């Protein structure tokens, strides 16, 4: 490397985002994924044995999926080709595969093709990968924030190992931030001394939602937006960072898995009679922009499914909440939904209606067309009366004592669907 190259490299480093400068180069540098890459872990063992299969990395943003793929390529001395599912297609894939085939034939070189956001590729694009994975032309590493069970073709999934990366803990992100500050000071990336107090560090780590990239971007924005003092020191405090970063981004996708995770948490919290937790999960949905009518519909369903006859007034409360949400919308309807959620959480519970109707569904599947007993049928014509319609029916108001009478088809006589509440 000559002086010109060295100068270019230093310029590139000084202009690179902090998150890129902090990208780990080895497994030991990767923070917060010890279960996945720690000593004795399955993935680390595969690397040590140089037996890397095609893989899918599943995890939230900013936890190291791309970084881990690069580390694997470097550790195994493989050529690394990165494609983004949002900007590339089958033509790009074919080009990468052809180059991989040539390099393997000429130099015995292995190629890892990394597909970021692989869930965004359609079925045809994912299927195009299959033969090249099967014959070993390329090793696939796909990264996705969505559940691969739903978003990756079963054929491709069956030929890959799925590894789950977890959201980073607040402590792990604090460690990343401290290392980042030490790095920029040692390399002279910033021309002044930096101080970050403990509250600011914890604040950045806590609002990052387990995303190290988000925390580093927040730190970098803070560094560039605060003026140094007379001693050429930038002192980052929580208050200044809060003003710079403004509102925390809530991790929520109305079409993704987190949507279903949170509505499930709301439902189960109400079922468990934990009003505080139910209100929290409701807030997580509404504050992130969820349609209040969607939440209201789920609460109406809950009123019958999980409360039912134990407190029939719950359904009235929830239907009223739905109507109010429809009429006034957000943000005014948030407290209305909160009332319905708290009422459902505190109400007595019974799933007798839910279980009873499931039993009905099972019998209807087994006996789909059972005839109505003759004595229960109306007989508006003489012909119908002559064939027995309505014959023997006992009109209940005519009797002071309980009436013994069958109301189910003969094949289902004595069936009990609804247990006592």
Protein backbone atom coordinates (compact mmCIF):
# COMPACT_ATOMS: atom_id res chain seq x y z
CA UNK A 1 0.00 0.00 0.00
CA UNK A 2 1.53 3.36 -1.06
CA UNK A 3 1.01 6.75 0.62
CA UNK A 4 -1.87 7.62 -1.68
CA UNK A 5 -3.69 4.36 -0.78
CA UNK A 6 -3.03 4.97 2.91
CA UNK A 7 -4.47 8.48 2.68
CA UNK A 8 -7.52 7.18 0.81
CA UNK A 9 -8.04 4.49 3.45
CA UNK A 10 -7.84 7.05 6.28
CA UNK A 11 -10.29 9.36 4.50
CA UNK A 12 -12.69 6.47 3.97
CA UNK A 13 -12.44 5.54 7.65
CA UNK A 14 -13.05 9.10 8.82
CA UNK A 15 -16.18 9.30 6.67
CA UNK A 16 -17.51 5.83 7.42
CA UNK A 17 -20.52 5.57 9.77
CA UNK A 18 -19.67 4.62 13.31
CA UNK A 19 -21.71 1.42 13.00
CA UNK A 20 -19.45 0.36 10.09
CA UNK A 21 -16.27 1.22 11.97
CA UNK A 22 -17.49 -0.89 14.88
CA UNK A 23 -18.37 -3.95 12.80
CA UNK A 24 -16.75 -6.97 14.54
CA UNK A 25 -14.12 -8.92 12.62
CA UNK A 26 -14.07 -12.14 14.67
CA UNK A 27 -16.54 -14.29 16.59
CA UNK A 28 -14.95 -13.17 19.86
CA UNK A 29 -15.74 -9.54 18.99
CA UNK A 30 -19.44 -10.26 18.39
CA UNK A 31 -21.42 -9.02 21.38
CA UNK A 32 -24.62 -10.49 22.82
CA UNK A 33 -24.80 -13.78 20.90
CA UNK A 34 -22.84 -16.08 23.20
CA UNK A 35 -25.37 -18.92 22.93
CA UNK A 36 -24.92 -18.90 19.18
CA UNK A 37 -21.17 -18.31 18.74
CA UNK A 38 -19.66 -18.95 22.18
CA UNK A 39 -17.24 -21.76 22.94
CA UNK A 40 -18.84 -25.14 22.28
CA UNK A 41 -21.84 -23.69 20.46
CA UNK A 42 -23.13 -25.54 17.37
CA UNK A 43 -22.27 -22.75 14.92
CA UNK A 44 -18.78 -22.24 16.30
CA UNK A 45 -18.16 -25.99 16.14
CA UNK A 46 -19.25 -26.09 12.48
CA UNK A 47 -16.82 -23.25 11.74
CA UNK A 48 -13.96 -24.98 13.54
CA UNK A 49 -14.64 -28.15 11.56
CA UNK A 50 -14.85 -26.12 8.33
CA UNK A 51 -18.25 -27.71 7.70
CA UNK A 52 -20.38 -24.63 7.09
CA UNK A 53 -23.83 -25.49 5.72
CA UNK A 54 -26.28 -23.15 4.03
CA UNK A 55 -27.89 -21.09 6.77
CA UNK A 56 -30.72 -18.73 7.56
CA UNK A 57 -30.08 -16.11 10.25
CA UNK A 58 -33.33 -15.01 11.85
CA UNK A 59 -33.40 -12.07 14.22
CA UNK A 60 -34.40 -8.43 14.70
CA UNK A 61 -32.50 -5.56 13.07
CA UNK A 62 -29.04 -4.60 14.27
CA UNK A 63 -28.09 -7.82 16.08
CA UNK A 64 -25.24 -8.90 13.80
CA UNK A 65 -26.72 -11.05 11.01
CA UNK A 66 -24.70 -9.42 8.21
CA UNK A 67 -21.63 -9.16 10.40
CA UNK A 68 -21.79 -12.85 11.33
CA UNK A 69 -22.04 -13.81 7.66
CA UNK A 70 -18.92 -11.75 6.89
CA UNK A 71 -17.07 -13.31 9.81
CA UNK A 72 -17.95 -16.80 8.58
CA UNK A 73 -16.68 -15.96 5.09
CA UNK A 74 -13.45 -14.59 6.52
CA UNK A 75 -12.92 -17.51 8.91
CA UNK A 76 -13.45 -20.09 6.15
CA UNK A 77 -11.45 -18.05 3.59
CA UNK A 78 -14.48 -17.99 1.31
CA UNK A 79 -15.34 -15.42 -1.32
CA UNK A 80 -18.19 -13.27 -0.01
CA UNK A 81 -20.92 -12.04 -2.37
CA UNK A 82 -23.61 -9.85 -0.85
CA UNK A 83 -27.02 -9.37 -2.48
CA UNK A 84 -30.00 -7.46 -1.16
CA UNK A 85 -33.40 -8.98 -1.85
CA UNK A 86 -34.84 -5.48 -2.18
CA UNK A 87 -32.62 -4.50 -5.13
CA UNK A 88 -31.48 -7.75 -6.77
CA UNK A 89 -33.22 -10.50 -8.69
CA UNK A 90 -32.64 -13.76 -10.58
CA UNK A 91 -30.24 -12.12 -13.05
CA UNK A 92 -27.96 -11.03 -10.19
CA UNK A 93 -28.17 -14.48 -8.67
CA UNK A 94 -27.25 -16.17 -11.96
CA UNK A 95 -24.26 -13.87 -12.34
CA UNK A 96 -23.06 -14.66 -8.82
CA UNK A 97 -23.52 -18.41 -9.34
CA UNK A 98 -21.65 -18.37 -12.66
CA UNK A 99 -18.71 -16.53 -11.09
CA UNK A 100 -18.76 -18.97 -8.16
CA UNK A 101 -18.68 -21.92 -10.56
CA UNK A 102 -15.70 -20.50 -12.46
CA UNK A 103 -13.72 -19.71 -9.31
CA UNK A 104 -14.36 -23.16 -7.88
CA UNK A 105 -13.19 -24.79 -11.11
CA UNK A 106 -10.09 -22.62 -11.50
CA UNK A 107 -8.96 -22.07 -7.91
CA UNK A 108 -11.05 -24.41 -5.75
CA UNK A 109 -12.43 -21.29 -4.07
CA UNK A 110 -15.64 -21.51 -2.06
CA UNK A 111 -18.27 -18.79 -2.44
CA UNK A 112 -20.74 -17.67 0.20
CA UNK A 113 -23.70 -15.77 -1.21
CA UNK A 114 -25.34 -13.62 1.42
CA UNK A 115 -28.96 -12.58 0.78
CA UNK A 116 -30.08 -9.76 3.04
CA UNK A 117 -33.84 -9.67 3.73
CA UNK A 118 -34.32 -12.99 1.94
CA UNK A 119 -37.99 -12.97 2.93
CA UNK A 120 -38.54 -10.26 0.31
CA UNK A 121 -37.67 -12.64 -2.52
CA UNK A 122 -40.68 -14.34 -4.09
CA UNK A 123 -41.08 -18.10 -4.52
CA UNK A 124 -39.55 -18.19 -8.00
CA UNK A 125 -36.47 -16.27 -6.85
CA UNK A 126 -35.98 -18.49 -3.83
CA UNK A 127 -36.50 -21.64 -5.93
CA UNK A 128 -33.80 -20.46 -8.34
CA UNK A 129 -31.27 -20.92 -5.52
CA UNK A 130 -32.11 -24.57 -4.86
CA UNK A 131 -30.01 -26.42 -7.50
CA UNK A 132 -26.91 -24.34 -6.74
CA UNK A 133 -27.20 -24.97 -3.02
CA UNK A 134 -27.76 -28.68 -3.61
CA UNK A 135 -24.74 -29.16 -5.89
CA UNK A 136 -22.48 -27.10 -3.63
CA UNK A 137 -21.74 -24.35 -6.14
CA UNK A 138 -22.54 -21.79 -3.45
CA UNK A 139 -23.19 -21.74 0.24
CA UNK A 140 -26.24 -19.66 1.02
CA UNK A 141 -26.53 -17.43 4.06
CA UNK A 142 -29.86 -15.67 4.21
CA UNK A 143 -30.80 -13.00 6.74
CA UNK A 144 -34.37 -12.22 7.71
CA UNK A 145 -36.26 -10.33 10.37
CA UNK A 146 -39.38 -12.38 9.65
CA UNK A 147 -40.21 -15.90 10.79
CA UNK A 148 -38.58 -18.18 8.15
CA UNK A 149 -41.28 -20.80 8.74
CA UNK A 150 -43.67 -18.47 6.93
CA UNK A 151 -41.38 -16.41 4.69
CA UNK A 152 -38.82 -18.89 3.30
CA UNK A 153 -39.82 -21.69 0.93
CA UNK A 154 -39.98 -25.07 2.65
CA UNK A 155 -37.66 -26.64 0.05
CA UNK A 156 -34.95 -24.04 0.66
CA UNK A 157 -35.58 -24.13 4.40
CA UNK A 158 -35.10 -27.91 4.51
CA UNK A 159 -31.65 -27.50 2.94
CA UNK A 160 -30.53 -24.85 5.41
CA UNK A 161 -29.82 -24.59 9.12
CA UNK A 162 -31.79 -21.88 10.90
CA UNK A 163 -29.93 -19.94 13.59
CA UNK A 164 -31.79 -17.46 15.79
CA UNK A 165 -30.08 -14.23 16.82
CA UNK A 166 -31.56 -12.45 19.82
CA UNK A 167 -32.15 -8.77 20.42
CA UNK A 168 -29.20 -7.39 22.36
CA UNK A 169 -29.63 -6.65 26.04
CA UNK A 170 -29.23 -3.13 27.38
CA UNK A 171 -25.98 -4.22 29.04
CA UNK A 172 -24.62 -5.61 25.75
CA UNK A 173 -25.42 -2.38 23.90
CA UNK A 174 -23.79 -0.32 26.67
CA UNK A 175 -20.67 -2.41 26.13
CA UNK A 176 -20.80 -1.70 22.38
CA UNK A 177 -21.15 2.04 23.02
CA UNK A 178 -18.18 2.11 25.39
CA UNK A 179 -16.03 0.23 22.90
CA UNK A 180 -17.13 2.63 20.15
CA UNK A 181 -16.02 5.65 22.17
CA UNK A 182 -12.65 4.05 22.87
CA UNK A 183 -12.26 3.21 19.18
CA UNK A 184 -12.98 6.69 17.85
CA UNK A 185 -10.66 8.23 20.45
CA UNK A 186 -7.82 5.81 19.68
CA UNK A 187 -8.12 6.28 15.90
CA UNK A 188 -8.64 10.01 16.07
CA UNK A 189 -11.83 9.81 14.05
CA UNK A 190 -13.16 12.85 15.95
CA UNK A 191 -10.85 15.82 16.58
CA UNK A 192 -11.91 16.31 20.20
CA UNK A 193 -12.23 14.46 23.45
CA UNK A 194 -15.56 12.78 24.16
CA UNK A 195 -17.30 12.18 27.47
CA UNK A 196 -20.51 10.20 27.78
CA UNK A 197 -22.10 10.02 31.22
CA UNK A 198 -23.71 6.85 32.58
CA UNK A 199 -27.26 8.11 32.21
CA UNK A 200 -26.66 8.98 28.56
CA UNK A 201 -25.14 5.57 27.89
CA UNK A 202 -28.07 3.78 29.49
CA UNK A 203 -30.52 6.05 27.66
CA UNK A 204 -29.00 5.26 24.26
CA UNK A 205 -28.95 1.54 25.06
CA UNK A 206 -32.50 1.43 26.36
CA UNK A 207 -34.13 3.22 23.42
CA UNK A 208 -32.31 1.09 20.83
CA UNK A 209 -34.80 -1.82 21.08
CA UNK A 210 -31.94 -4.33 21.14
CA UNK A 211 -30.46 -2.86 17.93
CA UNK A 212 -26.73 -2.05 18.20
CA UNK A 213 -26.76 -0.18 14.89
CA UNK A 214 -29.53 2.08 16.14
CA UNK A 215 -27.58 2.84 19.33
CA UNK A 216 -24.38 3.61 17.40
CA UNK A 217 -26.25 5.83 14.94
CA UNK A 218 -27.76 7.68 17.90
CA UNK A 219 -24.34 8.14 19.46
CA UNK A 220 -22.91 9.40 16.18
CA UNK A 221 -25.76 11.86 15.70
CA UNK A 222 -25.17 13.11 19.23
CA UNK A 223 -21.46 13.56 18.60
CA UNK A 224 -22.11 15.60 15.48
CA UNK A 225 -24.83 17.77 17.01
CA UNK A 226 -23.15 18.88 20.26
CA UNK A 227 -20.52 21.61 20.18
CA UNK A 228 -17.25 21.08 22.04
CA UNK A 229 -16.57 23.29 25.06
CA UNK A 230 -13.65 25.67 25.54
CA UNK A 231 -11.36 22.74 26.32
CA UNK A 232 -12.36 21.01 23.07
CA UNK A 233 -14.39 18.38 24.94
CA UNK A 234 -17.81 17.12 23.83
CA UNK A 235 -19.81 16.11 26.87
CA UNK A 236 -22.87 14.09 25.88
CA UNK A 237 -25.69 14.15 28.44
CA UNK A 238 -29.01 12.37 28.44
CA UNK A 239 -31.04 15.57 28.10
CA UNK A 240 -29.12 16.69 25.00
CA UNK A 241 -29.41 13.24 23.40
CA UNK A 242 -33.15 13.10 24.10
CA UNK A 243 -33.63 16.43 22.31
CA UNK A 244 -31.47 15.36 19.39
CA UNK A 245 -33.00 11.93 18.92
CA UNK A 246 -36.54 13.04 19.83
CA UNK A 247 -39.10 10.23 19.88
CA UNK A 248 -38.04 6.62 20.28
CA UNK A 249 -38.99 4.35 17.41
CA UNK A 250 -41.36 1.62 18.53
CA UNK A 251 -40.57 -1.83 17.15
CA UNK A 252 -43.86 -2.80 15.57
CA UNK A 253 -44.90 -4.01 12.13
CA UNK A 254 -48.61 -4.11 11.38
CA UNK A 255 -48.03 -6.83 8.79
CA UNK A 256 -45.19 -8.69 10.49
CA UNK A 257 -44.59 -11.14 13.32
CA UNK A 258 -44.29 -8.50 16.04
CA UNK A 259 -47.91 -7.51 15.33
CA UNK A 260 -49.05 -11.03 16.15
CA UNK A 261 -46.69 -11.36 19.10
CA UNK A 262 -48.10 -8.26 20.78
CA UNK A 263 -51.78 -8.99 20.15
CA UNK A 264 -51.12 -12.46 21.57
CA UNK A 265 -49.54 -10.89 24.65
CA UNK A 266 -52.57 -8.61 25.06
CA UNK A 267 -54.99 -11.52 24.78
CA UNK A 268 -53.07 -13.72 27.21
CA UNK A 269 -52.65 -10.89 29.72
CA UNK A 270 -56.41 -10.30 29.78
CA UNK A 271 -57.00 -14.05 30.09
CA UNK A 272 -54.56 -14.13 33.00
CA UNK A 273 -56.43 -11.24 34.69
CA UNK A 274 -53.36 -9.00 34.66
CA UNK A 275 -54.88 -5.60 33.90
CA UNK A 276 -51.53 -3.78 34.12
CA UNK A 277 -49.85 -5.99 31.54
CA UNK A 278 -52.92 -5.84 29.31
CA UNK A 279 -52.86 -2.04 29.36
CA UNK A 280 -49.15 -2.05 28.54
CA UNK A 281 -49.57 -4.27 25.46
CA UNK A 282 -52.58 -2.24 24.37
CA UNK A 283 -50.41 0.89 24.58
CA UNK A 284 -47.62 -0.76 22.59
CA UNK A 285 -50.05 -1.34 19.75
CA UNK A 286 -51.86 1.99 19.79
CA UNK A 287 -48.77 4.18 20.24
CA UNK A 288 -47.10 2.41 17.31
CA UNK A 289 -50.03 3.27 15.06
CA UNK A 290 -52.18 0.12 15.09
CA UNK A 291 -55.75 0.46 13.78
CA UNK A 292 -57.90 0.84 16.93
CA UNK A 293 -60.78 -1.00 15.25
CA UNK A 294 -58.57 -4.07 14.82
CA UNK A 295 -57.86 -4.07 18.56
CA UNK A 296 -61.53 -3.43 19.33
CA UNK A 297 -62.60 -6.42 17.22
CA UNK A 298 -60.19 -8.69 19.05
CA UNK A 299 -61.49 -7.46 22.43
CA UNK A 300 -65.11 -8.08 21.37
CA UNK A 301 -64.16 -11.63 20.47
CA UNK A 302 -62.37 -12.04 23.81
CA UNK A 303 -65.54 -10.99 25.67
CA UNK A 304 -67.33 -14.13 24.51
CA UNK A 305 -64.40 -16.50 24.07
CA UNK A 306 -62.77 -16.04 27.48
CA UNK A 307 -65.47 -14.42 29.65
CA UNK A 308 -68.77 -15.45 28.13
CA UNK A 309 -71.57 -16.24 30.55
CA UNK A 310 -69.35 -15.65 33.58
CA UNK A 311 -70.03 -11.95 32.98
CA UNK A 312 -72.37 -11.32 30.02
CA UNK A 313 -71.97 -7.57 30.48
CA UNK A 314 -68.40 -7.82 29.15
CA UNK A 315 -69.73 -8.21 25.60
CA UNK A 316 -71.86 -5.08 26.03
CA UNK A 317 -68.83 -3.13 27.26
CA UNK A 318 -66.65 -4.28 24.36
CA UNK A 319 -69.24 -3.68 21.64
CA UNK A 320 -69.78 -0.18 23.04
CA UNK A 321 -65.99 0.37 22.92
CA UNK A 322 -65.90 -0.77 19.29
CA UNK A 323 -68.70 1.64 18.35
CA UNK A 324 -67.01 4.51 20.19
CA UNK A 325 -63.70 3.81 18.42
CA UNK A 326 -65.52 3.79 15.09
CA UNK A 327 -67.12 7.14 15.84
CA UNK A 328 -64.27 9.16 17.31
CA UNK A 329 -61.03 7.40 16.30
CA UNK A 330 -57.54 7.95 17.68
CA UNK A 331 -56.19 9.42 19.87
CA UNK A 332 -59.44 10.05 21.72
CA UNK A 333 -60.52 6.40 21.71
CA UNK A 334 -57.36 5.14 23.44
CA UNK A 335 -58.86 5.50 26.92
CA UNK A 336 -62.07 3.81 25.72
CA UNK A 337 -60.11 0.76 24.63
CA UNK A 338 -58.19 0.93 27.90
CA UNK A 339 -61.52 0.73 29.77
CA UNK A 340 -62.62 -2.31 27.78
CA UNK A 341 -59.26 -4.04 28.21
CA UNK A 342 -59.16 -3.38 31.96
CA UNK A 343 -62.77 -4.58 32.33
CA UNK A 344 -62.00 -7.81 30.46
CA UNK A 345 -58.84 -8.41 32.50
CA UNK A 346 -60.69 -8.00 35.82
CA UNK A 347 -63.84 -9.90 34.81
CA UNK A 348 -64.42 -13.53 35.87
CA UNK A 349 -63.39 -15.95 33.15
CA UNK A 350 -65.15 -18.85 31.47
CA UNK A 351 -64.39 -20.50 28.15
CA UNK A 352 -67.51 -22.70 28.34
CA UNK A 353 -69.03 -21.07 25.24
CA UNK A 354 -65.81 -21.45 23.28
CA UNK A 355 -65.39 -25.11 24.23
CA UNK A 356 -69.08 -25.81 23.72
CA UNK A 357 -69.07 -24.42 20.22
CA UNK A 358 -65.94 -26.42 19.35
CA UNK A 359 -67.85 -29.57 20.37
CA UNK A 360 -70.72 -28.50 18.15
CA UNK A 361 -68.34 -28.02 15.22
CA UNK A 362 -66.86 -31.48 15.76
CA UNK A 363 -70.31 -33.12 15.73
CA UNK A 364 -71.36 -31.20 12.64
CA UNK A 365 -68.27 -32.46 10.81
CA UNK A 366 -69.10 -36.04 11.82
CA UNK A 367 -72.88 -35.75 11.39
CA UNK A 368 -73.27 -32.97 8.82
CA UNK A 369 -76.91 -33.38 7.79
CA UNK A 370 -78.92 -34.67 10.72
CA UNK A 371 -82.62 -34.08 10.17
CA UNK A 372 -84.71 -31.93 12.50
CA UNK A 373 -86.96 -34.18 14.64
CA UNK A 374 -90.53 -34.15 13.32
CA UNK A 375 -92.06 -32.77 16.52
CA UNK A 376 -89.83 -29.66 16.27
CA UNK A 377 -90.87 -28.83 12.72
CA UNK A 378 -93.54 -26.25 11.89
CA UNK A 379 -96.60 -27.54 10.08
CA UNK A 380 -98.20 -24.63 8.17
CA UNK A 381 -100.00 -26.93 5.67
CA UNK A 382 -102.31 -29.94 6.00
CA UNK A 383 -99.88 -32.10 4.06
CA UNK A 384 -97.09 -31.36 6.49
CA UNK A 385 -99.35 -32.15 9.43
CA UNK A 386 -100.41 -35.41 7.77
CA UNK A 387 -96.81 -36.62 7.56
CA UNK A 388 -96.14 -35.87 11.22
CA UNK A 389 -94.67 -32.38 11.28
CA UNK A 390 -95.17 -30.90 14.75
CA UNK A 391 -96.82 -34.05 16.10
CA UNK A 392 -96.32 -34.50 19.84
CA UNK A 393 -94.65 -31.14 20.38
CA UNK A 394 -95.21 -29.78 23.88
CA UNK A 395 -95.66 -26.00 24.03
CA UNK A 396 -93.68 -25.11 27.14
CA UNK A 397 -95.81 -22.14 28.38
CA UNK A 398 -98.77 -24.55 28.67
CA UNK A 399 -97.01 -26.52 31.38
CA UNK A 400 -96.25 -25.44 34.93
CA UNK A 401 -93.85 -28.31 35.48
CA UNK A 402 -90.61 -28.86 33.51
CA UNK A 403 -91.26 -30.38 30.08
CA UNK A 404 -89.47 -33.58 29.14
CA UNK A 405 -88.77 -33.24 25.44
CA UNK A 406 -85.89 -33.94 23.07
CA UNK A 407 -84.51 -31.07 21.02
CA UNK A 408 -81.48 -32.67 19.38
CA UNK A 409 -81.40 -35.10 16.44
CA UNK A 410 -81.84 -38.71 17.48
CA UNK A 411 -78.19 -39.56 16.76
CA UNK A 412 -77.06 -36.81 19.14
CA UNK A 413 -79.57 -37.42 21.91
CA UNK A 414 -78.14 -36.58 25.33
CA UNK A 415 -75.20 -34.62 23.97
CA UNK A 416 -73.94 -31.91 26.36
CA UNK A 417 -72.07 -29.06 24.78
CA UNK A 418 -72.21 -26.29 27.36
CA UNK A 419 -70.77 -26.93 30.78
CA UNK A 420 -72.16 -25.10 33.80
CA UNK A 421 -70.50 -21.74 34.36
